Amino acid sequence: MKKISVLIPCYNEEENVEAICKAVSDVLDSECGQYDHEILFIDNCSTDSTQTLLRNLCRDDKKVKAIFNAKNFGQSNSPYYGMLQTTGDCVVSLACDFQDPVELIPQYVREWENGYKIVIGIKEKSEENKLMYALRSCYYHFIKKFSEVEQIEHFTGFGLYDREFIEVLRSLDDPQPYLRGIVSELGFRRKEIPYTQPKRRAGKTKNNWYTLYDFAMLSVTSYTKIGLRLCTLLGFMIGALSAIIGIVYLIYKLVYWDSFIPGMAPVTIGMFLLGAIQLVFIGIMGEYIISINRRVMKRPLVIEEERINFEKEE
C-alpha cells in the first residue's frame, strides 16, 4: 500500500492546528482511503499552546507525528527539514493557516498517479490584501526576469513531491535551501494547478517586512547576479557621467574664467549621492557574502528538541 505524507509547518498556530489536522485527516480518509498516510507537524519553537495541542493530537492518533525545533530556524529551513523526515511515497506540503486549500490534496494525488513527480499549486488569485498581492507579483516578475533559472510565479511551496524528488533534496546538503528555486532548477516533470488563495482561517500572519525581505534576498542571492551586475554597470555609468560633468565644468571655467563660480552645492550633492550609492552597493554585496558565509559554515538545517510518534520507524 502506498503511503502519503502530509507536512504541516507551524509556528504559534494554536487556533489552527486541531482544525487543520482534522480537515486533512477527513480528506485523506474519505477521498484517499486506498492509501496509508501520516501527518507530520514541524513546530518552529512556538511560544503559545501549539505544542501542547500537538502532543494531544499525537496521543490520540499515532498517524499524527510532531517534531519540535529547539528554536525558530526560519520559514525556509524548517519546512525543508520536515520534508526530509517524512516516510511516505509522496509528500504534500501545506500551510497550517488554511491558505493552502486542503481540498486540492486528492487532485494532487491523482496527478501524481498519472506520472507527475511534482504537482504544485499556483496562486491564480488571492483573497489577501490587494497591495501585498501586487507587491508579490512585482517580486515574482523581477525574479523570473533576472534569474538564470526559470522561476515559477506565485508558487509558495504548496504541492506534492514524489519520494524521488525528496531524495534529491536529501542529497543536496544545502544549509540554506530555497525550495521554490530548487523545484524549478532540479525538479522532475511537474503539473501546475491554479487555485484561489483564501484568507487565513484564524490568527495573525507571522511574516513582517523584515522576514519577507530576508526570504526575498535568499532567492535573489541564490538565483540571480543582477545585484552585482547592477553595481558594476552603475559604477561605470556614474564614472562616465562624472567625467563628462568634469569636462563641462573645465570648459566653462576656461571660457568664463572671470565670472563662472561653480559653488559648493554641486560638490555637496555629488558627495552625498556617491556616498548613498556606495552604501547601497556595499549592502548588496553584503547580502551575497552572507549567503556564501552561511553555506560555507554548513550549519544544520534544524536542531530538534523532541519528536513524537517516530518510534516505529526508529
Protein backbone atom coordinates (compact mmCIF):
# COMPACT_ATOMS: atom_id res chain seq x y z
CA MET A 1 0.00 0.00 0.00
CA LYS A 2 1.37 3.40 -0.97
CA LYS A 3 1.76 5.99 1.72
CA ILE A 4 1.01 9.72 1.62
CA SER A 5 2.86 12.04 3.96
CA VAL A 6 1.37 15.44 4.73
CA LEU A 7 3.80 18.00 6.12
CA ILE A 8 2.40 20.98 8.03
CA PRO A 9 4.94 23.53 9.32
CA CYS A 10 3.61 25.68 12.14
CA TYR A 11 4.59 28.49 14.46
CA ASN A 12 2.17 29.90 17.05
CA GLU A 13 -0.87 28.34 15.36
CA GLU A 14 -2.86 27.31 18.41
CA GLU A 15 -6.08 28.39 16.71
CA ASN A 16 -5.47 26.27 13.63
CA VAL A 17 -3.54 23.07 14.40
CA GLU A 18 -6.50 20.99 15.56
CA ALA A 19 -8.73 22.18 12.73
CA ILE A 20 -6.12 21.60 10.02
CA CYS A 21 -5.33 18.14 11.38
CA LYS A 22 -8.99 17.16 11.31
CA ALA A 23 -9.50 18.63 7.84
CA VAL A 24 -6.51 16.76 6.40
CA SER A 25 -7.50 13.51 8.12
CA ASP A 26 -11.06 13.75 6.82
CA VAL A 27 -9.92 14.37 3.25
CA LEU A 28 -7.40 11.53 3.34
CA ASP A 29 -9.90 9.08 4.87
CA SER A 30 -12.78 9.97 2.56
CA GLU A 31 -11.02 10.52 -0.78
CA CYS A 32 -7.66 8.78 -0.41
CA GLY A 33 -8.73 5.76 1.64
CA GLN A 34 -6.74 3.34 -0.52
CA TYR A 35 -3.50 4.90 0.78
CA ASP A 36 -1.79 4.75 4.12
CA HIS A 37 -0.93 8.17 5.46
CA GLU A 38 0.91 10.17 8.09
CA ILE A 39 0.50 13.80 9.14
CA LEU A 40 3.73 15.42 10.29
CA PHE A 41 3.74 18.76 12.09
CA ILE A 42 7.08 20.52 12.46
CA ASP A 43 6.83 23.25 15.06
CA ASN A 44 9.28 26.14 14.90
CA CYS A 45 9.51 26.63 18.68
CA SER A 46 6.05 28.10 19.25
CA THR A 47 5.55 30.27 22.32
CA ASP A 48 1.79 29.69 22.67
CA SER A 49 -0.09 26.43 23.34
CA THR A 50 0.60 24.94 19.89
CA GLN A 51 2.98 22.30 21.23
CA THR A 52 0.52 21.20 23.92
CA LEU A 53 -2.20 20.76 21.31
CA LEU A 54 0.16 18.81 19.09
CA ARG A 55 1.02 16.47 21.94
CA ASN A 56 -2.67 15.76 22.42
CA LEU A 57 -3.17 15.12 18.71
CA CYS A 58 -0.21 12.73 18.64
CA ARG A 59 -1.54 10.92 21.72
CA ASP A 60 -4.96 10.41 20.16
CA ASP A 61 -3.75 9.35 16.71
CA LYS A 62 -0.47 7.55 16.07
CA LYS A 63 -0.56 8.62 12.44
CA VAL A 64 -0.04 12.18 13.60
CA LYS A 65 3.62 12.96 14.25
CA ALA A 66 5.36 16.03 15.56
CA ILE A 67 8.85 17.49 15.57
CA PHE A 68 9.61 20.34 17.98
CA ASN A 69 12.54 22.54 16.97
CA ALA A 70 14.93 23.75 19.65
CA LYS A 71 14.50 27.32 18.36
CA ASN A 72 12.96 29.19 15.46
CA PHE A 73 15.03 28.26 12.42
CA GLY A 74 13.08 30.36 9.92
CA GLN A 75 10.34 29.78 7.40
CA SER A 76 12.69 28.22 4.84
CA ASN A 77 14.74 25.72 6.80
CA SER A 78 12.01 24.22 8.96
CA PRO A 79 9.62 23.05 6.19
CA TYR A 80 12.55 21.81 4.11
CA TYR A 81 13.88 19.78 7.03
CA GLY A 82 10.40 18.43 7.76
CA MET A 83 10.07 17.11 4.20
CA LEU A 84 13.26 15.11 4.69
CA GLN A 85 11.80 13.45 7.81
CA THR A 86 8.71 12.08 6.08
CA THR A 87 8.41 8.38 5.17
CA GLY A 88 5.68 8.36 2.51
CA ASP A 89 5.91 7.60 -1.20
CA CYS A 90 4.95 11.23 -1.74
CA VAL A 91 4.88 14.34 0.43
CA VAL A 92 2.20 17.03 0.42
CA SER A 93 3.38 20.27 1.99
CA LEU A 94 0.79 22.85 3.05
CA ALA A 95 0.43 25.76 5.43
CA CYS A 96 -1.24 25.45 8.80
CA ASP A 97 -3.40 28.55 8.36
CA PHE A 98 -5.74 27.08 5.67
CA GLN A 99 -4.40 29.40 2.97
CA ASP A 100 -3.40 26.25 1.09
CA PRO A 101 -6.71 24.51 0.30
CA VAL A 102 -6.85 21.03 1.80
CA GLU A 103 -9.41 20.05 -0.86
CA LEU A 104 -6.67 20.03 -3.51
CA ILE A 105 -4.85 17.06 -1.96
CA PRO A 106 -6.90 14.39 -3.83
CA GLN A 107 -6.33 16.20 -7.13
CA TYR A 108 -2.60 16.34 -6.42
CA VAL A 109 -2.59 12.61 -5.71
CA ARG A 110 -4.46 11.83 -8.95
CA GLU A 111 -1.94 13.81 -10.99
CA TRP A 112 0.86 12.05 -9.13
CA GLU A 113 -0.63 8.70 -10.10
CA ASN A 114 -0.76 9.96 -13.71
CA GLY A 115 3.01 10.15 -13.68
CA TYR A 116 3.90 13.61 -12.46
CA LYS A 117 6.69 13.61 -9.90
CA ILE A 118 5.83 17.14 -8.72
CA VAL A 119 2.37 18.67 -8.52
CA ILE A 120 2.25 22.27 -7.31
CA GLY A 121 -0.38 24.92 -6.68
CA ILE A 122 -0.17 28.31 -8.38
CA LYS A 123 -1.96 31.26 -6.79
CA GLU A 124 -4.10 32.48 -9.65
CA LYS A 125 -5.99 34.81 -7.33
CA SER A 126 -5.77 35.68 -3.67
CA GLU A 127 -8.18 36.98 -1.05
CA GLU A 128 -5.29 38.52 0.89
CA ASN A 129 -4.50 42.24 0.96
CA LYS A 130 -4.51 43.53 -2.62
CA LEU A 131 -1.42 45.65 -2.05
CA MET A 132 0.54 42.64 -0.76
CA TYR A 133 -0.58 40.54 -3.70
CA ALA A 134 0.52 43.28 -6.12
CA LEU A 135 3.91 43.57 -4.41
CA ARG A 136 4.35 39.81 -4.55
CA SER A 137 3.51 39.86 -8.25
CA CYS A 138 6.17 42.51 -8.87
CA TYR A 139 8.69 40.44 -6.93
CA TYR A 140 7.90 37.28 -8.91
CA HIS A 141 8.19 39.17 -12.21
CA PHE A 142 11.55 40.57 -11.13
CA ILE A 143 12.95 37.19 -10.09
CA LYS A 144 11.65 35.49 -13.23
CA LYS A 145 13.16 38.15 -15.49
CA PHE A 146 16.64 38.22 -13.99
CA SER A 147 17.09 34.66 -12.71
CA GLU A 148 19.37 32.31 -14.58
CA VAL A 149 16.90 29.52 -13.80
CA GLU A 150 13.25 29.58 -14.81
CA GLN A 151 11.27 30.68 -11.78
CA ILE A 152 7.65 29.81 -11.00
CA GLU A 153 5.41 32.80 -10.34
CA HIS A 154 3.04 32.73 -7.34
CA PHE A 155 4.33 29.37 -6.13
CA THR A 156 4.59 29.23 -2.35
CA GLY A 157 5.79 25.64 -1.88
CA PHE A 158 2.28 24.21 -1.60
CA GLY A 159 2.31 20.98 -3.56
CA LEU A 160 3.03 17.27 -3.78
CA TYR A 161 6.54 15.88 -4.16
CA ASP A 162 7.45 12.34 -5.11
CA ARG A 163 9.87 10.35 -2.99
CA GLU A 164 12.47 10.52 -5.77
CA PHE A 165 12.50 14.30 -5.55
CA ILE A 166 12.73 14.15 -1.74
CA GLU A 167 15.86 12.03 -2.16
CA VAL A 168 17.25 14.72 -4.48
CA LEU A 169 16.66 17.28 -1.72
CA ARG A 170 18.35 14.98 0.77
CA SER A 171 21.45 14.69 -1.43
CA LEU A 172 21.88 18.46 -1.83
CA ASP A 173 23.10 19.03 1.73
CA ASP A 174 22.28 22.74 1.41
CA PRO A 175 22.29 24.62 4.75
CA GLN A 176 20.31 27.49 3.22
CA PRO A 177 17.84 25.94 0.78
CA TYR A 178 15.35 27.84 -1.37
CA LEU A 179 12.77 25.18 -2.24
CA ARG A 180 10.91 27.23 -4.85
CA GLY A 181 14.08 27.69 -6.85
CA ILE A 182 15.16 24.07 -6.39
CA VAL A 183 11.82 22.84 -7.78
CA SER A 184 12.29 24.85 -10.98
CA GLU A 185 16.01 24.09 -11.26
CA LEU A 186 16.27 20.42 -10.32
CA GLY A 187 12.68 19.21 -10.23
CA PHE A 188 11.18 16.48 -12.37
CA ARG A 189 8.25 16.85 -14.76
CA ARG A 190 5.64 18.86 -12.90
CA LYS A 191 1.96 19.70 -13.09
CA GLU A 192 0.78 23.18 -12.12
CA ILE A 193 -2.72 23.56 -10.70
CA PRO A 194 -4.16 27.09 -10.30
CA TYR A 195 -6.17 27.95 -7.21
CA THR A 196 -7.54 30.94 -5.36
CA GLN A 197 -5.78 31.53 -2.07
CA PRO A 198 -8.26 32.12 0.76
CA LYS A 199 -7.68 34.29 3.81
CA ARG A 200 -6.22 32.88 6.98
CA ARG A 201 -8.78 30.90 8.94
CA ALA A 202 -7.65 32.35 12.28
CA GLY A 203 -4.70 34.02 13.93
CA LYS A 204 -2.26 36.53 12.53
CA THR A 205 0.43 36.09 9.92
CA LYS A 206 3.92 35.62 11.34
CA ASN A 207 5.51 37.39 8.40
CA ASN A 208 6.59 41.02 8.57
CA TRP A 209 8.54 43.26 6.22
CA TYR A 210 11.86 42.01 7.59
CA THR A 211 11.09 38.30 7.18
CA LEU A 212 9.66 38.91 3.70
CA TYR A 213 12.77 40.89 2.75
CA ASP A 214 15.01 38.16 4.15
CA PHE A 215 13.18 35.49 2.15
CA ALA A 216 13.28 37.61 -1.00
CA MET A 217 17.03 38.18 -0.67
CA LEU A 218 17.54 34.43 -0.31
CA SER A 219 16.06 33.95 -3.78
CA VAL A 220 17.96 36.92 -5.22
CA THR A 221 21.35 35.78 -3.94
CA SER A 222 20.70 32.14 -4.83
CA TYR A 223 19.47 32.55 -8.38
CA THR A 224 20.40 35.98 -9.75
CA LYS A 225 23.50 38.06 -10.45
CA ILE A 226 21.52 41.21 -11.03
CA GLY A 227 22.67 42.86 -7.79
CA LEU A 228 26.36 42.54 -8.55
CA ARG A 229 25.93 43.32 -12.25
CA LEU A 230 23.89 46.40 -11.35
CA CYS A 231 26.69 47.63 -9.10
CA THR A 232 29.22 47.24 -11.91
CA LEU A 233 27.07 48.89 -14.59
CA LEU A 234 26.03 51.81 -12.41
CA GLY A 235 29.64 52.26 -11.36
CA PHE A 236 30.69 52.65 -15.00
CA MET A 237 27.76 54.95 -15.75
CA ILE A 238 28.39 57.20 -12.76
CA GLY A 239 32.10 57.30 -13.58
CA ALA A 240 31.36 58.31 -17.16
CA LEU A 241 28.83 60.93 -16.03
CA SER A 242 31.32 62.36 -13.54
CA ALA A 243 33.96 62.63 -16.28
CA ILE A 244 31.52 64.44 -18.57
CA ILE A 245 30.49 66.85 -15.83
CA GLY A 246 34.15 67.49 -15.02
CA ILE A 247 34.94 68.29 -18.66
CA VAL A 248 31.91 70.61 -18.91
CA TYR A 249 32.97 72.46 -15.77
CA LEU A 250 36.52 72.76 -17.10
CA ILE A 251 35.31 74.23 -20.39
CA TYR A 252 33.03 76.69 -18.61
CA LYS A 253 35.87 77.73 -16.33
CA LEU A 254 38.22 78.27 -19.28
CA VAL A 255 35.67 80.24 -21.30
CA TYR A 256 34.15 82.24 -18.44
CA TRP A 257 37.19 82.26 -16.17
CA ASP A 258 36.39 85.62 -14.67
CA SER A 259 32.67 85.08 -13.91
CA PHE A 260 31.94 81.34 -13.56
CA ILE A 261 31.62 80.29 -9.92
CA PRO A 262 30.61 76.58 -9.52
CA GLY A 263 29.84 76.92 -5.83
CA MET A 264 29.73 74.16 -3.20
CA ALA A 265 26.21 72.88 -3.90
CA PRO A 266 27.19 70.53 -6.78
CA VAL A 267 30.11 69.19 -4.77
CA THR A 268 27.97 68.55 -1.70
CA ILE A 269 25.14 66.94 -3.65
CA GLY A 270 27.56 64.77 -5.60
CA MET A 271 29.34 63.69 -2.41
CA PHE A 272 26.10 62.60 -0.71
CA LEU A 273 24.85 60.91 -3.89
CA LEU A 274 28.01 58.88 -4.32
CA GLY A 275 28.06 58.04 -0.60
CA ALA A 276 24.50 56.72 -0.74
CA ILE A 277 25.22 54.68 -3.87
CA GLN A 278 28.31 53.18 -2.26
CA LEU A 279 26.35 52.19 0.83
CA VAL A 280 23.67 50.52 -1.32
CA PHE A 281 26.30 48.63 -3.30
CA ILE A 282 28.08 47.52 -0.14
CA GLY A 283 24.74 46.27 1.22
CA ILE A 284 24.03 44.30 -1.96
CA MET A 285 27.47 42.70 -1.89
CA GLY A 286 26.98 42.02 1.80
CA GLU A 287 23.82 40.00 1.06
CA TYR A 288 25.77 37.77 -1.30
CA ILE A 289 28.59 37.42 1.24
CA ILE A 290 26.09 36.47 3.97
CA SER A 291 24.65 33.81 1.69
CA ILE A 292 28.10 32.43 0.93
CA ASN A 293 29.07 32.51 4.60
CA ARG A 294 26.02 30.53 5.70
CA ARG A 295 26.66 27.87 3.09
CA VAL A 296 30.36 27.64 3.93
CA MET A 297 29.68 27.23 7.67
CA LYS A 298 27.47 24.19 6.92
CA ARG A 299 25.29 24.69 9.97
CA PRO A 300 22.47 22.13 10.35
CA LEU A 301 19.08 23.00 8.92
CA VAL A 302 17.32 22.41 12.24
CA ILE A 303 18.16 21.22 15.73
CA GLU A 304 15.38 19.04 17.13
CA GLU A 305 14.30 19.29 20.73
CA GLU A 306 11.80 16.42 20.57
CA ARG A 307 9.96 14.17 18.13
CA ILE A 308 6.78 12.22 18.80
CA ASN A 309 5.34 9.01 17.22
CA PHE A 310 8.51 8.15 15.31
CA GLU A 311 9.22 5.07 17.43
CA LYS A 312 8.11 2.55 14.80
CA GLU A 313 10.43 3.92 12.10
CA GLU A 314 13.33 4.14 14.53
